Amino acid sequence: MLFKPITSEKAVKLIEAENTLLLRTERRARKEEIKREFEKMFKVKVKKVNVLAKGNEKRAYITLKKEFKAIDIATKLGMI
């Protein structure tokens, strides 16, 4: 599965305020698959995944559990 970070002002606010990452994913990916793959790739626990499908694009809002920091993952992905 492919994750592409979205680096907008809104995405940065989500990281800081809600411990949530905003990523582009494959159009056919389901929430459960996104959660499982993300946890496996980054060795974190995901609290919830929300998706927004618009046209040919699908965005995943990935909220991490409190013991994990979204800012750390964002730094690894080069978002910040």
PDB file of N, CA and C in Angstrom:
ATOM      1  N   MET A   1       0.850  -1.184   0.000  1.00  0.00           N
ATOM      2  CA  MET A   1       0.000   0.000   0.000  1.00  0.00           C
ATOM      3  C   MET A   1       0.884   1.232   0.000  1.00  0.00           C
ATOM      4  N   LEU A   2       0.404   2.261  -0.620  1.00  0.00           N
ATOM      5  CA  LEU A   2       1.176   3.462  -0.805  1.00  0.00           C
ATOM      6  C   LEU A   2       0.613   4.596   0.054  1.00  0.00           C
ATOM      7  N   PHE A   3       1.480   5.228   0.831  1.00  0.00           N
ATOM      8  CA  PHE A   3       1.094   6.396   1.621  1.00  0.00           C
ATOM      9  C   PHE A   3       1.885   7.586   1.127  1.00  0.00           C
ATOM     10  N   LYS A   4       1.185   8.653   0.758  1.00  0.00           N
ATOM     11  CA  LYS A   4       1.840   9.895   0.367  1.00  0.00           C
ATOM     12  C   LYS A   4       1.387  10.985   1.333  1.00  0.00           C
ATOM     13  N   PRO A   5       2.312  11.610   2.023  1.00  0.00           N
ATOM     14  CA  PRO A   5       1.914  12.648   2.984  1.00  0.00           C
ATOM     15  C   PRO A   5       1.355  13.887   2.293  1.00  0.00           C
ATOM     16  N   ILE A   6       0.385  14.497   2.937  1.00  0.00           N
ATOM     17  CA  ILE A   6      -0.177  15.761   2.473  1.00  0.00           C
ATOM     18  C   ILE A   6       0.358  16.843   3.404  1.00  0.00           C
ATOM     19  N   THR A   7       1.066  17.788   2.829  1.00  0.00           N
ATOM     20  CA  THR A   7       1.701  18.831   3.642  1.00  0.00           C
ATOM     21  C   THR A   7       1.027  20.175   3.399  1.00  0.00           C
ATOM     22  N   SER A   8      -0.124  20.331   3.982  1.00  0.00           N
ATOM     23  CA  SER A   8      -0.843  21.599   3.904  1.00  0.00           C
ATOM     24  C   SER A   8      -0.909  22.203   5.304  1.00  0.00           C
ATOM     25  N   GLU A   9      -1.399  23.411   5.381  1.00  0.00           N
ATOM     26  CA  GLU A   9      -1.546  24.064   6.678  1.00  0.00           C
ATOM     27  C   GLU A   9      -2.519  23.283   7.563  1.00  0.00           C
ATOM     28  N   LYS A  10      -3.588  22.791   6.963  1.00  0.00           N
ATOM     29  CA  LYS A  10      -4.574  21.999   7.702  1.00  0.00           C
ATOM     30  C   LYS A  10      -3.941  20.715   8.242  1.00  0.00           C
ATOM     31  N   ALA A  11      -3.108  20.072   7.431  1.00  0.00           N
ATOM     32  CA  ALA A  11      -2.460  18.822   7.850  1.00  0.00           C
ATOM     33  C   ALA A  11      -1.546  19.052   9.051  1.00  0.00           C
ATOM     34  N   VAL A  12      -0.820  20.142   9.043  1.00  0.00           N
ATOM     35  CA  VAL A  12       0.076  20.460  10.158  1.00  0.00           C
ATOM     36  C   VAL A  12      -0.722  20.756  11.429  1.00  0.00           C
ATOM     37  N   LYS A  13      -1.836  21.456  11.287  1.00  0.00           N
ATOM     38  CA  LYS A  13      -2.697  21.731  12.446  1.00  0.00           C
ATOM     39  C   LYS A  13      -3.252  20.440  13.039  1.00  0.00           C
ATOM     40  N   LEU A  14      -3.639  19.492  12.170  1.00  0.00           N
ATOM     41  CA  LEU A  14      -4.151  18.201  12.650  1.00  0.00           C
ATOM     42  C   LEU A  14      -3.090  17.442  13.440  1.00  0.00           C
ATOM     43  N   ILE A  15      -1.855  17.505  12.962  1.00  0.00           N
ATOM     44  CA  ILE A  15      -0.760  16.819  13.659  1.00  0.00           C
ATOM     45  C   ILE A  15      -0.593  17.395  15.057  1.00  0.00           C
ATOM     46  N   GLU A  16      -0.556  18.700  15.146  1.00  0.00           N
ATOM     47  CA  GLU A  16      -0.303  19.360  16.427  1.00  0.00           C
ATOM     48  C   GLU A  16      -1.491  19.283  17.384  1.00  0.00           C
ATOM     49  N   ALA A  17      -2.702  19.503  16.878  1.00  0.00           N
ATOM     50  CA  ALA A  17      -3.872  19.612  17.748  1.00  0.00           C
ATOM     51  C   ALA A  17      -4.532  18.276  18.064  1.00  0.00           C
ATOM     52  N   GLU A  18      -4.570  17.361  17.083  1.00  0.00           N
ATOM     53  CA  GLU A  18      -5.366  16.151  17.257  1.00  0.00           C
ATOM     54  C   GLU A  18      -4.576  14.844  17.139  1.00  0.00           C
ATOM     55  N   ASN A  19      -3.241  14.946  17.006  1.00  0.00           N
ATOM     56  CA  ASN A  19      -2.391  13.754  16.879  1.00  0.00           C
ATOM     57  C   ASN A  19      -2.841  12.910  15.675  1.00  0.00           C
ATOM     58  N   THR A  20      -3.182  13.599  14.571  1.00  0.00           N
ATOM     59  CA  THR A  20      -3.721  12.960  13.372  1.00  0.00           C
ATOM     60  C   THR A  20      -2.860  13.288  12.159  1.00  0.00           C
ATOM     61  N   LEU A  21      -2.597  12.270  11.348  1.00  0.00           N
ATOM     62  CA  LEU A  21      -1.846  12.439  10.113  1.00  0.00           C
ATOM     63  C   LEU A  21      -2.807  12.389   8.930  1.00  0.00           C
ATOM     64  N   LEU A  22      -2.531  13.172   7.914  1.00  0.00           N
ATOM     65  CA  LEU A  22      -3.346  13.212   6.702  1.00  0.00           C
ATOM     66  C   LEU A  22      -2.496  12.698   5.551  1.00  0.00           C
ATOM     67  N   LEU A  23      -2.928  11.568   4.962  1.00  0.00           N
ATOM     68  CA  LEU A  23      -2.149  10.923   3.909  1.00  0.00           C
ATOM     69  C   LEU A  23      -3.031  10.554   2.730  1.00  0.00           C
ATOM     70  N   ARG A  24      -2.442  10.558   1.531  1.00  0.00           N
ATOM     71  CA  ARG A  24      -3.121  10.019   0.351  1.00  0.00           C
ATOM     72  C   ARG A  24      -2.857   8.518   0.320  1.00  0.00           C
ATOM     73  N   THR A  25      -3.875   7.760  -0.035  1.00  0.00           N
ATOM     74  CA  THR A  25      -3.727   6.308  -0.130  1.00  0.00           C
ATOM     75  C   THR A  25      -4.291   5.831  -1.461  1.00  0.00           C
ATOM     76  N   GLU A  26      -4.123   4.559  -1.711  1.00  0.00           N
ATOM     77  CA  GLU A  26      -4.688   3.973  -2.918  1.00  0.00           C
ATOM     78  C   GLU A  26      -6.209   4.041  -2.858  1.00  0.00           C
ATOM     79  N   ARG A  27      -6.826   4.244  -3.975  1.00  0.00           N
ATOM     80  CA  ARG A  27      -8.279   4.413  -4.050  1.00  0.00           C
ATOM     81  C   ARG A  27      -9.033   3.188  -3.539  1.00  0.00           C
ATOM     82  N   ARG A  28      -8.493   2.000  -3.767  1.00  0.00           N
ATOM     83  CA  ARG A  28      -9.195   0.763  -3.399  1.00  0.00           C
ATOM     84  C   ARG A  28      -8.938   0.314  -1.963  1.00  0.00           C
ATOM     85  N   ALA A  29      -8.087   1.018  -1.230  1.00  0.00           N
ATOM     86  CA  ALA A  29      -7.745   0.630   0.143  1.00  0.00           C
ATOM     87  C   ALA A  29      -8.922   0.841   1.090  1.00  0.00           C
ATOM     88  N   ARG A  30      -9.125  -0.126   1.994  1.00  0.00           N
ATOM     89  CA  ARG A  30     -10.179  -0.017   2.999  1.00  0.00           C
ATOM     90  C   ARG A  30      -9.565   0.424   4.327  1.00  0.00           C
ATOM     91  N   LYS A  31     -10.422   0.899   5.232  1.00  0.00           N
ATOM     92  CA  LYS A  31      -9.958   1.399   6.534  1.00  0.00           C
ATOM     93  C   LYS A  31      -9.121   0.371   7.285  1.00  0.00           C
ATOM     94  N   GLU A  32      -9.603  -0.869   7.341  1.00  0.00           N
ATOM     95  CA  GLU A  32      -8.893  -1.916   8.081  1.00  0.00           C
ATOM     96  C   GLU A  32      -7.507  -2.159   7.496  1.00  0.00           C
ATOM     97  N   GLU A  33      -7.412  -2.155   6.159  1.00  0.00           N
ATOM     98  CA  GLU A  33      -6.126  -2.363   5.491  1.00  0.00           C
ATOM     99  C   GLU A  33      -5.173  -1.207   5.769  1.00  0.00           C
ATOM    100  N   ILE A  34      -5.695   0.007   5.717  1.00  0.00           N
ATOM    101  CA  ILE A  34      -4.878   1.196   5.979  1.00  0.00           C
ATOM    102  C   ILE A  34      -4.324   1.132   7.395  1.00  0.00           C
ATOM    103  N   LYS A  35      -5.185   0.830   8.357  1.00  0.00           N
ATOM    104  CA  LYS A  35      -4.772   0.755   9.760  1.00  0.00           C
ATOM    105  C   LYS A  35      -3.698  -0.307   9.960  1.00  0.00           C
ATOM    106  N   ARG A  36      -3.931  -1.497   9.453  1.00  0.00           N
ATOM    107  CA  ARG A  36      -2.989  -2.612   9.623  1.00  0.00           C
ATOM    108  C   ARG A  36      -1.628  -2.297   8.996  1.00  0.00           C
ATOM    109  N   GLU A  37      -1.632  -1.777   7.783  1.00  0.00           N
ATOM    110  CA  GLU A  37      -0.392  -1.470   7.071  1.00  0.00           C
ATOM    111  C   GLU A  37       0.375  -0.337   7.754  1.00  0.00           C
ATOM    112  N   PHE A  38      -0.340   0.702   8.193  1.00  0.00           N
ATOM    113  CA  PHE A  38       0.300   1.842   8.850  1.00  0.00           C
ATOM    114  C   PHE A  38       0.953   1.410  10.160  1.00  0.00           C
ATOM    115  N   GLU A  39       0.240   0.603  10.961  1.00  0.00           N
ATOM    116  CA  GLU A  39       0.793   0.112  12.228  1.00  0.00           C
ATOM    117  C   GLU A  39       2.037  -0.739  11.984  1.00  0.00           C
ATOM    118  N   LYS A  40       2.002  -1.537  10.949  1.00  0.00           N
ATOM    119  CA  LYS A  40       3.128  -2.411  10.623  1.00  0.00           C
ATOM    120  C   LYS A  40       4.342  -1.602  10.151  1.00  0.00           C
ATOM    121  N   MET A  41       4.107  -0.596   9.307  1.00  0.00           N
ATOM    122  CA  MET A  41       5.194   0.212   8.751  1.00  0.00           C
ATOM    123  C   MET A  41       5.902   1.059   9.802  1.00  0.00           C
ATOM    124  N   PHE A  42       5.130   1.671  10.692  1.00  0.00           N
ATOM    125  CA  PHE A  42       5.694   2.657  11.612  1.00  0.00           C
ATOM    126  C   PHE A  42       5.755   2.194  13.064  1.00  0.00           C
ATOM    127  N   LYS A  43       5.337   0.967  13.342  1.00  0.00           N
ATOM    128  CA  LYS A  43       5.398   0.396  14.697  1.00  0.00           C
ATOM    129  C   LYS A  43       4.682   1.280  15.718  1.00  0.00           C
ATOM    130  N   VAL A  44       3.451   1.691  15.368  1.00  0.00           N
ATOM    131  CA  VAL A  44       2.614   2.505  16.255  1.00  0.00           C
ATOM    132  C   VAL A  44       1.241   1.852  16.353  1.00  0.00           C
ATOM    133  N   LYS A  45       0.399   2.366  17.251  1.00  0.00           N
ATOM    134  CA  LYS A  45      -0.980   1.905  17.382  1.00  0.00           C
ATOM    135  C   LYS A  45      -1.911   3.020  16.914  1.00  0.00           C
ATOM    136  N   VAL A  46      -2.836   2.656  16.047  1.00  0.00           N
ATOM    137  CA  VAL A  46      -3.783   3.611  15.485  1.00  0.00           C
ATOM    138  C   VAL A  46      -5.082   3.559  16.271  1.00  0.00           C
ATOM    139  N   LYS A  47      -5.563   4.739  16.661  1.00  0.00           N
ATOM    140  CA  LYS A  47      -6.827   4.833  17.382  1.00  0.00           C
ATOM    141  C   LYS A  47      -8.000   4.684  16.415  1.00  0.00           C
ATOM    142  N   LYS A  48      -7.958   5.449  15.302  1.00  0.00           N
ATOM    143  CA  LYS A  48      -9.026   5.340  14.311  1.00  0.00           C
ATOM    144  C   LYS A  48      -8.541   5.849  12.962  1.00  0.00           C
ATOM    145  N   VAL A  49      -9.257   5.430  11.926  1.00  0.00           N
ATOM    146  CA  VAL A  49      -8.974   5.856  10.558  1.00  0.00           C
ATOM    147  C   VAL A  49     -10.273   6.353   9.938  1.00  0.00           C
ATOM    148  N   ASN A  50     -10.244   7.552   9.414  1.00  0.00           N
ATOM    149  CA  ASN A  50     -11.357   8.092   8.640  1.00  0.00           C
ATOM    150  C   ASN A  50     -10.849   8.296   7.217  1.00  0.00           C
ATOM    151  N   VAL A  51     -11.707   8.051   6.240  1.00  0.00           N
ATOM    152  CA  VAL A  51     -11.292   8.236   4.855  1.00  0.00           C
ATOM    153  C   VAL A  51     -12.235   9.197   4.143  1.00  0.00           C
ATOM    154  N   LEU A  52     -11.672   9.896   3.167  1.00  0.00           N
ATOM    155  CA  LEU A  52     -12.427  10.802   2.325  1.00  0.00           C
ATOM    156  C   LEU A  52     -12.069  10.476   0.886  1.00  0.00           C
ATOM    157  N   ALA A  53     -13.022   9.961   0.145  1.00  0.00           N
ATOM    158  CA  ALA A  53     -12.805   9.631  -1.261  1.00  0.00           C
ATOM    159  C   ALA A  53     -13.406  10.737  -2.115  1.00  0.00           C
ATOM    160  N   LYS A  54     -12.573  11.309  -2.964  1.00  0.00           N
ATOM    161  CA  LYS A  54     -13.009  12.422  -3.795  1.00  0.00           C
ATOM    162  C   LYS A  54     -12.376  12.255  -5.173  1.00  0.00           C
ATOM    163  N   GLY A  55     -13.189  11.962  -6.175  1.00  0.00           N
ATOM    164  CA  GLY A  55     -12.649  11.744  -7.512  1.00  0.00           C
ATOM    165  C   GLY A  55     -11.773  10.502  -7.540  1.00  0.00           C
ATOM    166  N   ASN A  56     -10.572  10.643  -8.063  1.00  0.00           N
ATOM    167  CA  ASN A  56      -9.626   9.522  -8.119  1.00  0.00           C
ATOM    168  C   ASN A  56      -8.726   9.460  -6.897  1.00  0.00           C
ATOM    169  N   GLU A  57      -8.950  10.317  -5.931  1.00  0.00           N
ATOM    170  CA  GLU A  57      -8.084  10.409  -4.756  1.00  0.00           C
ATOM    171  C   GLU A  57      -8.804   9.932  -3.506  1.00  0.00           C
ATOM    172  N   LYS A  58      -8.046   9.314  -2.616  1.00  0.00           N
ATOM    173  CA  LYS A  58      -8.578   8.910  -1.321  1.00  0.00           C
ATOM    174  C   LYS A  58      -7.622   9.418  -0.254  1.00  0.00           C
ATOM    175  N   ARG A  59      -8.156  10.121   0.710  1.00  0.00           N
ATOM    176  CA  ARG A  59      -7.356  10.649   1.821  1.00  0.00           C
ATOM    177  C   ARG A  59      -7.696   9.899   3.090  1.00  0.00           C
ATOM    178  N   ALA A  60      -6.674   9.593   3.846  1.00  0.00           N
ATOM    179  CA  ALA A  60      -6.859   8.893   5.113  1.00  0.00           C
ATOM    180  C   ALA A  60      -6.443   9.819   6.251  1.00  0.00           C
ATOM    181  N   TYR A  61      -7.350   9.999   7.198  1.00  0.00           N
ATOM    182  CA  TYR A  61      -7.063  10.743   8.428  1.00  0.00           C
ATOM    183  C   TYR A  61      -6.764   9.681   9.483  1.00  0.00           C
ATOM    184  N   ILE A  62      -5.497   9.553   9.857  1.00  0.00           N
ATOM    185  CA  ILE A  62      -5.063   8.493  10.772  1.00  0.00           C
ATOM    186  C   ILE A  62      -4.765   9.115  12.127  1.00  0.00           C
ATOM    187  N   THR A  63      -5.583   8.786  13.126  1.00  0.00           N
ATOM    188  CA  THR A  63      -5.401   9.283  14.481  1.00  0.00           C
ATOM    189  C   THR A  63      -4.666   8.227  15.290  1.00  0.00           C
ATOM    190  N   LEU A  64      -3.559   8.637  15.899  1.00  0.00           N
ATOM    191  CA  LEU A  64      -2.749   7.716  16.692  1.00  0.00           C
ATOM    192  C   LEU A  64      -3.206   7.707  18.145  1.00  0.00           C
ATOM    193  N   LYS A  65      -2.926   6.608  18.832  1.00  0.00           N
ATOM    194  CA  LYS A  65      -3.207   6.546  20.271  1.00  0.00           C
ATOM    195  C   LYS A  65      -2.300   7.519  21.002  1.00  0.00           C
ATOM    196  N   LYS A  66      -2.708   7.920  22.192  1.00  0.00           N
ATOM    197  CA  LYS A  66      -2.019   8.983  22.933  1.00  0.00           C
ATOM    198  C   LYS A  66      -0.548   8.709  23.206  1.00  0.00           C
ATOM    199  N   GLU A  67      -0.179   7.436  23.392  1.00  0.00           N
ATOM    200  CA  GLU A  67       1.215   7.139  23.714  1.00  0.00           C
ATOM    201  C   GLU A  67       2.164   7.293  22.521  1.00  0.00           C
ATOM    202  N   PHE A  68       1.615   7.500  21.320  1.00  0.00           N
ATOM    203  CA  PHE A  68       2.419   7.706  20.119  1.00  0.00           C
ATOM    204  C   PHE A  68       2.195   9.121  19.607  1.00  0.00           C
ATOM    205  N   LYS A  69       3.242   9.741  19.098  1.00  0.00           N
ATOM    206  CA  LYS A  69       3.172  11.133  18.657  1.00  0.00           C
ATOM    207  C   LYS A  69       3.174  11.221  17.134  1.00  0.00           C
ATOM    208  N   ALA A  70       2.176  11.871  16.585  1.00  0.00           N
ATOM    209  CA  ALA A  70       2.072  12.053  15.141  1.00  0.00           C
ATOM    210  C   ALA A  70       3.229  12.888  14.600  1.00  0.00           C
ATOM    211  N   ILE A  71       3.740  13.797  15.417  1.00  0.00           N
ATOM    212  CA  ILE A  71       4.847  14.653  14.986  1.00  0.00           C
ATOM    213  C   ILE A  71       6.086  13.814  14.665  1.00  0.00           C
ATOM    214  N   ASP A  72       6.291  12.719  15.389  1.00  0.00           N
ATOM    215  CA  ASP A  72       7.438  11.844  15.127  1.00  0.00           C
ATOM    216  C   ASP A  72       7.306  11.162  13.763  1.00  0.00           C
ATOM    217  N   ILE A  73       6.124  10.687  13.444  1.00  0.00           N
ATOM    218  CA  ILE A  73       5.875  10.044  12.155  1.00  0.00           C
ATOM    219  C   ILE A  73       5.975  11.085  11.033  1.00  0.00           C
ATOM    220  N   ALA A  74       5.434  12.278  11.265  1.00  0.00           N
ATOM    221  CA  ALA A  74       5.493  13.339  10.274  1.00  0.00           C
ATOM    222  C   ALA A  74       6.945  13.709   9.947  1.00  0.00           C
ATOM    223  N   THR A  75       7.785  13.700  10.956  1.00  0.00           N
ATOM    224  CA  THR A  75       9.208  13.992  10.745  1.00  0.00           C
ATOM    225  C   THR A  75       9.853  12.894   9.902  1.00  0.00           C
ATOM    226  N   LYS A  76       9.525  11.636  10.184  1.00  0.00           N
ATOM    227  CA  LYS A  76      10.064  10.517   9.391  1.00  0.00           C
ATOM    228  C   LYS A  76       9.632  10.613   7.924  1.00  0.00           C
ATOM    229  N   LEU A  77       8.390  11.067   7.699  1.00  0.00           N
ATOM    230  CA  LEU A  77       7.858  11.176   6.344  1.00  0.00           C
ATOM    231  C   LEU A  77       8.300  12.460   5.629  1.00  0.00           C
ATOM    232  N   GLY A  78       8.968  13.352   6.355  1.00  0.00           N
ATOM    233  CA  GLY A  78       9.438  14.597   5.758  1.00  0.00           C
ATOM    234  C   GLY A  78       8.365  15.666   5.621  1.00  0.00           C
ATOM    235  N   MET A  79       7.300  15.533   6.412  1.00  0.00           N
ATOM    236  CA  MET A  79       6.220  16.519   6.361  1.00  0.00           C
ATOM    237  C   MET A  79       6.581  17.798   7.100  1.00  0.00           C
ATOM    238  N   ILE A  80       7.407  17.653   8.126  1.00  0.00           N
ATOM    239  CA  ILE A  80       7.778  18.808   8.967  1.00  0.00           C
ATOM    240  C   ILE A  80       9.282  18.893   9.032  1.00  0.00           C
TER     241      ILE A  80
END
